[in-house]
Amino acid sequence: MMNQHIYELELSLLEPTVRKSAAKINQLIADAFIEFGSSGKIYHKNELLEELPLEEPQSYKVQNFATLELAEDVVLATYLVEIDSVSSLRSSIWKHNGDVWQMIFHQGTKCEASQE
């Protein structure tokens, strides 16, 4: 059940309607969030709140989604995503804060398309 919930949260962050909403991003991303982007750039929450609503919508294809419970209130999500025929391995750490799950860390690493 937790795997499905984290999967839905992760996918919601790829949805154009969520990415365009600073309020929704603010709910899903923890204040101490950090991302190591596939571009090599490091992002923090305030940068996502400014930049995501301005980006052009993209199509994401998610494969091989898996979760691993690291602690009772911390989950690691891993998957492969393809954006415009460019693939990257993704990992996110989600923490249960009060009554909501929030992403506290995310990393993207470019890779070949066929990962098993």
N, C-alpha and C. Protein backbone atom coordinates (compact mmCIF):
# COMPACT_ATOMS: atom_id res chain seq x y z
N MET A 1 0.82 -1.20 0.00
CA MET A 1 0.00 0.00 0.00
C MET A 1 0.87 1.26 0.00
N MET A 2 1.95 1.26 0.81
CA MET A 2 2.82 2.44 0.85
C MET A 2 3.48 2.64 -0.51
N ASN A 3 3.89 1.53 -1.16
CA ASN A 3 4.49 1.62 -2.48
C ASN A 3 3.57 2.37 -3.44
N GLN A 4 2.29 2.07 -3.44
CA GLN A 4 1.32 2.71 -4.32
C GLN A 4 1.17 4.19 -3.98
N HIS A 5 1.12 4.52 -2.69
CA HIS A 5 0.96 5.91 -2.27
C HIS A 5 2.17 6.75 -2.68
N ILE A 6 3.36 6.25 -2.45
CA ILE A 6 4.58 6.96 -2.83
C ILE A 6 4.66 7.08 -4.36
N TYR A 7 4.26 6.03 -5.06
CA TYR A 7 4.22 6.05 -6.53
C TYR A 7 3.30 7.18 -7.01
N GLU A 8 2.13 7.28 -6.42
CA GLU A 8 1.18 8.33 -6.81
C GLU A 8 1.73 9.72 -6.50
N LEU A 9 2.39 9.88 -5.35
CA LEU A 9 3.00 11.17 -5.01
C LEU A 9 4.11 11.53 -6.00
N GLU A 10 4.94 10.55 -6.30
CA GLU A 10 6.05 10.77 -7.23
C GLU A 10 5.52 11.17 -8.60
N LEU A 11 4.52 10.43 -9.10
CA LEU A 11 3.94 10.76 -10.40
C LEU A 11 3.27 12.12 -10.40
N SER A 12 2.67 12.50 -9.28
CA SER A 12 2.00 13.80 -9.23
C SER A 12 2.99 14.93 -9.47
N LEU A 13 4.23 14.75 -9.02
CA LEU A 13 5.25 15.79 -9.24
C LEU A 13 5.68 15.90 -10.71
N LEU A 14 5.27 14.94 -11.52
CA LEU A 14 5.56 14.99 -12.95
C LEU A 14 4.39 15.57 -13.75
N GLU A 15 3.25 15.76 -13.10
CA GLU A 15 2.06 16.27 -13.76
C GLU A 15 2.17 17.78 -14.00
N PRO A 16 1.88 18.25 -15.22
CA PRO A 16 1.97 19.69 -15.50
C PRO A 16 1.12 20.56 -14.56
N THR A 17 -0.05 20.09 -14.16
CA THR A 17 -0.90 20.90 -13.28
C THR A 17 -0.26 21.09 -11.90
N VAL A 18 0.43 20.07 -11.42
CA VAL A 18 1.13 20.16 -10.14
C VAL A 18 2.38 21.02 -10.29
N ARG A 19 3.14 20.80 -11.36
CA ARG A 19 4.38 21.54 -11.58
C ARG A 19 4.13 23.04 -11.76
N LYS A 20 2.95 23.40 -12.23
CA LYS A 20 2.61 24.82 -12.42
C LYS A 20 2.07 25.46 -11.15
N SER A 21 1.84 24.67 -10.11
CA SER A 21 1.22 25.17 -8.88
C SER A 21 2.24 25.25 -7.74
N ALA A 22 2.64 26.47 -7.38
CA ALA A 22 3.57 26.64 -6.26
C ALA A 22 2.98 26.07 -4.98
N ALA A 23 1.67 26.20 -4.80
CA ALA A 23 1.01 25.68 -3.59
C ALA A 23 1.13 24.16 -3.52
N LYS A 24 0.91 23.46 -4.62
CA LYS A 24 1.01 22.00 -4.63
C LYS A 24 2.45 21.55 -4.44
N ILE A 25 3.39 22.25 -5.09
CA ILE A 25 4.81 21.92 -4.93
C ILE A 25 5.20 22.11 -3.46
N ASN A 26 4.74 23.20 -2.88
CA ASN A 26 5.04 23.50 -1.48
C ASN A 26 4.55 22.40 -0.55
N GLN A 27 3.41 21.79 -0.85
CA GLN A 27 2.87 20.69 -0.04
C GLN A 27 3.70 19.42 -0.17
N LEU A 28 4.19 19.15 -1.38
CA LEU A 28 4.86 17.89 -1.66
C LEU A 28 6.36 17.89 -1.36
N ILE A 29 6.96 19.08 -1.30
CA ILE A 29 8.40 19.20 -1.12
C ILE A 29 8.70 19.76 0.27
N ALA A 30 9.59 19.10 1.00
CA ALA A 30 9.96 19.55 2.35
C ALA A 30 10.81 20.82 2.26
N ASP A 31 10.77 21.60 3.32
CA ASP A 31 11.53 22.85 3.36
C ASP A 31 13.03 22.62 3.19
N ALA A 32 13.54 21.52 3.71
CA ALA A 32 14.98 21.21 3.64
C ALA A 32 15.36 20.43 2.38
N PHE A 33 14.46 20.38 1.39
CA PHE A 33 14.66 19.62 0.17
C PHE A 33 15.95 20.01 -0.56
N ILE A 34 16.60 18.99 -1.13
CA ILE A 34 17.76 19.20 -2.01
C ILE A 34 17.65 18.21 -3.17
N GLU A 35 18.03 18.67 -4.36
CA GLU A 35 18.03 17.81 -5.55
C GLU A 35 19.38 17.91 -6.23
N PHE A 36 19.92 16.76 -6.62
CA PHE A 36 21.08 16.70 -7.49
C PHE A 36 20.53 16.36 -8.87
N GLY A 37 20.37 17.36 -9.72
CA GLY A 37 19.75 17.17 -11.02
C GLY A 37 20.62 16.41 -11.99
N SER A 38 19.99 15.81 -13.00
CA SER A 38 20.74 15.07 -14.02
C SER A 38 21.64 16.01 -14.83
N SER A 39 21.36 17.31 -14.76
CA SER A 39 22.20 18.31 -15.42
C SER A 39 23.48 18.59 -14.64
N GLY A 40 23.53 18.13 -13.39
CA GLY A 40 24.66 18.41 -12.52
C GLY A 40 24.40 19.59 -11.60
N LYS A 41 23.26 20.25 -11.78
CA LYS A 41 22.92 21.41 -10.95
C LYS A 41 22.26 20.94 -9.65
N ILE A 42 22.50 21.69 -8.57
CA ILE A 42 21.87 21.42 -7.28
C ILE A 42 20.71 22.39 -7.11
N TYR A 43 19.55 21.85 -6.71
CA TYR A 43 18.35 22.65 -6.52
C TYR A 43 17.88 22.56 -5.07
N HIS A 44 17.27 23.63 -4.60
CA HIS A 44 16.61 23.66 -3.29
C HIS A 44 15.15 24.00 -3.50
N LYS A 45 14.34 23.89 -2.47
CA LYS A 45 12.91 24.08 -2.58
C LYS A 45 12.55 25.43 -3.19
N ASN A 46 13.18 26.50 -2.74
CA ASN A 46 12.82 27.83 -3.24
C ASN A 46 13.05 27.95 -4.75
N GLU A 47 14.06 27.27 -5.27
CA GLU A 47 14.31 27.29 -6.71
C GLU A 47 13.23 26.53 -7.47
N LEU A 48 12.76 25.40 -6.92
CA LEU A 48 11.68 24.66 -7.56
C LEU A 48 10.39 25.48 -7.58
N LEU A 49 10.11 26.17 -6.47
CA LEU A 49 8.91 27.00 -6.40
C LEU A 49 8.93 28.11 -7.45
N GLU A 50 10.11 28.60 -7.77
CA GLU A 50 10.25 29.66 -8.78
C GLU A 50 10.28 29.11 -10.20
N GLU A 51 11.00 27.99 -10.42
CA GLU A 51 11.28 27.52 -11.77
C GLU A 51 10.23 26.56 -12.35
N LEU A 52 9.72 25.63 -11.56
CA LEU A 52 8.79 24.63 -12.11
C LEU A 52 7.54 25.24 -12.73
N PRO A 53 6.91 26.24 -12.10
CA PRO A 53 5.71 26.80 -12.72
C PRO A 53 5.97 27.45 -14.09
N LEU A 54 7.22 27.78 -14.40
CA LEU A 54 7.56 28.44 -15.66
C LEU A 54 7.97 27.49 -16.78
N GLU A 55 8.24 26.22 -16.44
CA GLU A 55 8.74 25.30 -17.47
C GLU A 55 7.62 24.84 -18.41
N GLU A 56 8.03 24.46 -19.61
CA GLU A 56 7.10 23.92 -20.60
C GLU A 56 6.72 22.49 -20.19
N PRO A 57 5.43 22.13 -20.32
CA PRO A 57 5.02 20.76 -19.98
C PRO A 57 5.76 19.73 -20.83
N GLN A 58 6.11 18.63 -20.19
CA GLN A 58 6.81 17.54 -20.87
C GLN A 58 6.06 16.24 -20.63
N SER A 59 6.39 15.24 -21.43
CA SER A 59 5.80 13.91 -21.27
C SER A 59 6.83 13.01 -20.60
N TYR A 60 6.41 12.35 -19.52
CA TYR A 60 7.29 11.49 -18.74
C TYR A 60 6.81 10.05 -18.85
N LYS A 61 7.73 9.13 -19.09
CA LYS A 61 7.43 7.70 -19.09
C LYS A 61 8.22 7.07 -17.95
N VAL A 62 7.50 6.57 -16.94
CA VAL A 62 8.12 6.00 -15.74
C VAL A 62 8.11 4.48 -15.84
N GLN A 63 9.26 3.86 -15.52
CA GLN A 63 9.39 2.40 -15.54
C GLN A 63 10.14 1.94 -14.30
N ASN A 64 9.96 0.67 -13.96
CA ASN A 64 10.73 0.00 -12.91
C ASN A 64 10.64 0.71 -11.56
N PHE A 65 9.46 1.20 -11.21
CA PHE A 65 9.29 1.91 -9.95
C PHE A 65 9.37 0.92 -8.79
N ALA A 66 10.15 1.29 -7.77
CA ALA A 66 10.28 0.44 -6.57
C ALA A 66 10.47 1.34 -5.36
N THR A 67 10.08 0.82 -4.20
CA THR A 67 10.31 1.55 -2.95
C THR A 67 11.01 0.64 -1.95
N LEU A 68 11.70 1.28 -1.03
CA LEU A 68 12.36 0.58 0.07
C LEU A 68 12.13 1.42 1.33
N GLU A 69 11.56 0.80 2.34
CA GLU A 69 11.33 1.51 3.60
C GLU A 69 12.66 1.58 4.36
N LEU A 70 13.15 2.82 4.56
CA LEU A 70 14.42 3.02 5.26
C LEU A 70 14.21 3.15 6.77
N ALA A 71 13.06 3.64 7.15
CA ALA A 71 12.64 3.77 8.55
C ALA A 71 11.11 3.81 8.53
N GLU A 72 10.48 3.81 9.68
CA GLU A 72 9.02 3.78 9.73
C GLU A 72 8.41 4.96 8.98
N ASP A 73 9.10 6.09 8.98
CA ASP A 73 8.56 7.30 8.34
C ASP A 73 9.43 7.82 7.20
N VAL A 74 10.29 6.95 6.63
CA VAL A 74 11.18 7.36 5.53
C VAL A 74 11.20 6.26 4.46
N VAL A 75 10.96 6.67 3.20
CA VAL A 75 10.90 5.72 2.09
C VAL A 75 11.79 6.20 0.95
N LEU A 76 12.55 5.28 0.37
CA LEU A 76 13.34 5.54 -0.82
C LEU A 76 12.56 5.03 -2.03
N ALA A 77 12.40 5.89 -3.03
CA ALA A 77 11.75 5.50 -4.29
C ALA A 77 12.80 5.55 -5.39
N THR A 78 12.82 4.53 -6.24
CA THR A 78 13.74 4.50 -7.38
C THR A 78 12.97 4.13 -8.63
N TYR A 79 13.40 4.69 -9.77
CA TYR A 79 12.74 4.38 -11.04
C TYR A 79 13.56 4.92 -12.19
N LEU A 80 13.16 4.52 -13.39
CA LEU A 80 13.72 5.02 -14.63
C LEU A 80 12.67 5.92 -15.25
N VAL A 81 13.09 7.09 -15.73
CA VAL A 81 12.15 7.98 -16.41
C VAL A 81 12.73 8.34 -17.77
N GLU A 82 11.83 8.42 -18.77
CA GLU A 82 12.23 8.85 -20.10
C GLU A 82 11.48 10.14 -20.42
N ILE A 83 12.26 11.16 -20.80
CA ILE A 83 11.70 12.46 -21.18
C ILE A 83 12.26 12.78 -22.55
N ASP A 84 11.37 12.86 -23.55
CA ASP A 84 11.81 13.16 -24.92
C ASP A 84 12.97 12.27 -25.35
N SER A 85 12.86 10.98 -25.15
CA SER A 85 13.83 9.95 -25.50
C SER A 85 15.17 10.06 -24.77
N VAL A 86 15.23 10.86 -23.70
CA VAL A 86 16.41 10.91 -22.83
C VAL A 86 16.04 10.22 -21.52
N SER A 87 16.81 9.20 -21.16
CA SER A 87 16.50 8.42 -19.96
C SER A 87 17.38 8.82 -18.79
N SER A 88 16.81 8.71 -17.60
CA SER A 88 17.60 8.93 -16.39
C SER A 88 17.07 8.05 -15.27
N LEU A 89 18.00 7.62 -14.42
CA LEU A 89 17.63 6.91 -13.21
C LEU A 89 17.30 7.96 -12.17
N ARG A 90 16.23 7.74 -11.42
CA ARG A 90 15.79 8.71 -10.42
C ARG A 90 15.70 8.03 -9.07
N SER A 91 16.04 8.77 -8.03
CA SER A 91 15.84 8.30 -6.66
C SER A 91 15.32 9.48 -5.85
N SER A 92 14.37 9.18 -4.98
CA SER A 92 13.77 10.18 -4.11
C SER A 92 13.66 9.61 -2.71
N ILE A 93 13.84 10.47 -1.73
CA ILE A 93 13.58 10.07 -0.35
C ILE A 93 12.38 10.87 0.13
N TRP A 94 11.38 10.14 0.62
CA TRP A 94 10.14 10.72 1.13
C TRP A 94 10.10 10.53 2.64
N LYS A 95 9.70 11.58 3.35
CA LYS A 95 9.59 11.52 4.82
C LYS A 95 8.17 11.90 5.22
N HIS A 96 7.64 11.15 6.16
CA HIS A 96 6.31 11.45 6.68
C HIS A 96 6.43 12.57 7.71
N ASN A 97 5.93 13.75 7.37
CA ASN A 97 5.99 14.93 8.23
C ASN A 97 4.59 15.24 8.74
N GLY A 98 4.35 14.95 10.00
CA GLY A 98 3.01 15.18 10.56
C GLY A 98 2.00 14.25 9.93
N ASP A 99 1.12 14.81 9.08
CA ASP A 99 0.11 13.96 8.44
C ASP A 99 0.31 13.87 6.92
N VAL A 100 1.46 14.32 6.41
CA VAL A 100 1.71 14.26 4.97
C VAL A 100 3.09 13.70 4.68
N TRP A 101 3.23 13.09 3.51
CA TRP A 101 4.52 12.67 3.00
C TRP A 101 5.09 13.80 2.18
N GLN A 102 6.39 14.10 2.38
CA GLN A 102 7.07 15.12 1.61
C GLN A 102 8.41 14.59 1.11
N MET A 103 8.78 15.01 -0.10
CA MET A 103 10.07 14.64 -0.66
C MET A 103 11.14 15.51 -0.01
N ILE A 104 12.19 14.84 0.50
CA ILE A 104 13.28 15.60 1.11
C ILE A 104 14.56 15.56 0.27
N PHE A 105 14.64 14.60 -0.67
CA PHE A 105 15.82 14.48 -1.52
C PHE A 105 15.42 13.86 -2.85
N HIS A 106 16.07 14.31 -3.92
CA HIS A 106 15.84 13.73 -5.24
C HIS A 106 17.14 13.79 -6.03
N GLN A 107 17.40 12.75 -6.82
CA GLN A 107 18.57 12.74 -7.69
C GLN A 107 18.20 12.12 -9.02
N GLY A 108 18.71 12.72 -10.11
CA GLY A 108 18.55 12.18 -11.45
C GLY A 108 19.92 11.95 -12.05
N THR A 109 20.11 10.79 -12.68
CA THR A 109 21.37 10.46 -13.33
C THR A 109 21.08 9.95 -14.73
N LYS A 110 21.59 10.64 -15.75
CA LYS A 110 21.36 10.20 -17.12
C LYS A 110 21.92 8.80 -17.32
N CYS A 111 21.22 8.02 -18.17
CA CYS A 111 21.63 6.62 -18.39
C CYS A 111 21.15 6.16 -19.74
N GLU A 112 21.49 4.93 -20.08
CA GLU A 112 20.97 4.29 -21.29
C GLU A 112 19.52 3.91 -21.02
N ALA A 113 18.71 3.82 -22.06
CA ALA A 113 17.27 3.60 -21.91
C ALA A 113 16.92 2.25 -21.30
N SER A 114 17.63 1.20 -21.63
CA SER A 114 17.24 -0.13 -21.17
C SER A 114 17.98 -0.52 -19.90
N GLN A 115 17.39 -0.21 -18.76
CA GLN A 115 17.95 -0.58 -17.45
C GLN A 115 17.08 -1.68 -16.86
N GLU A 116 17.68 -2.65 -16.31
CA GLU A 116 16.92 -3.75 -15.67
C GLU A 116 17.12 -3.72 -14.18
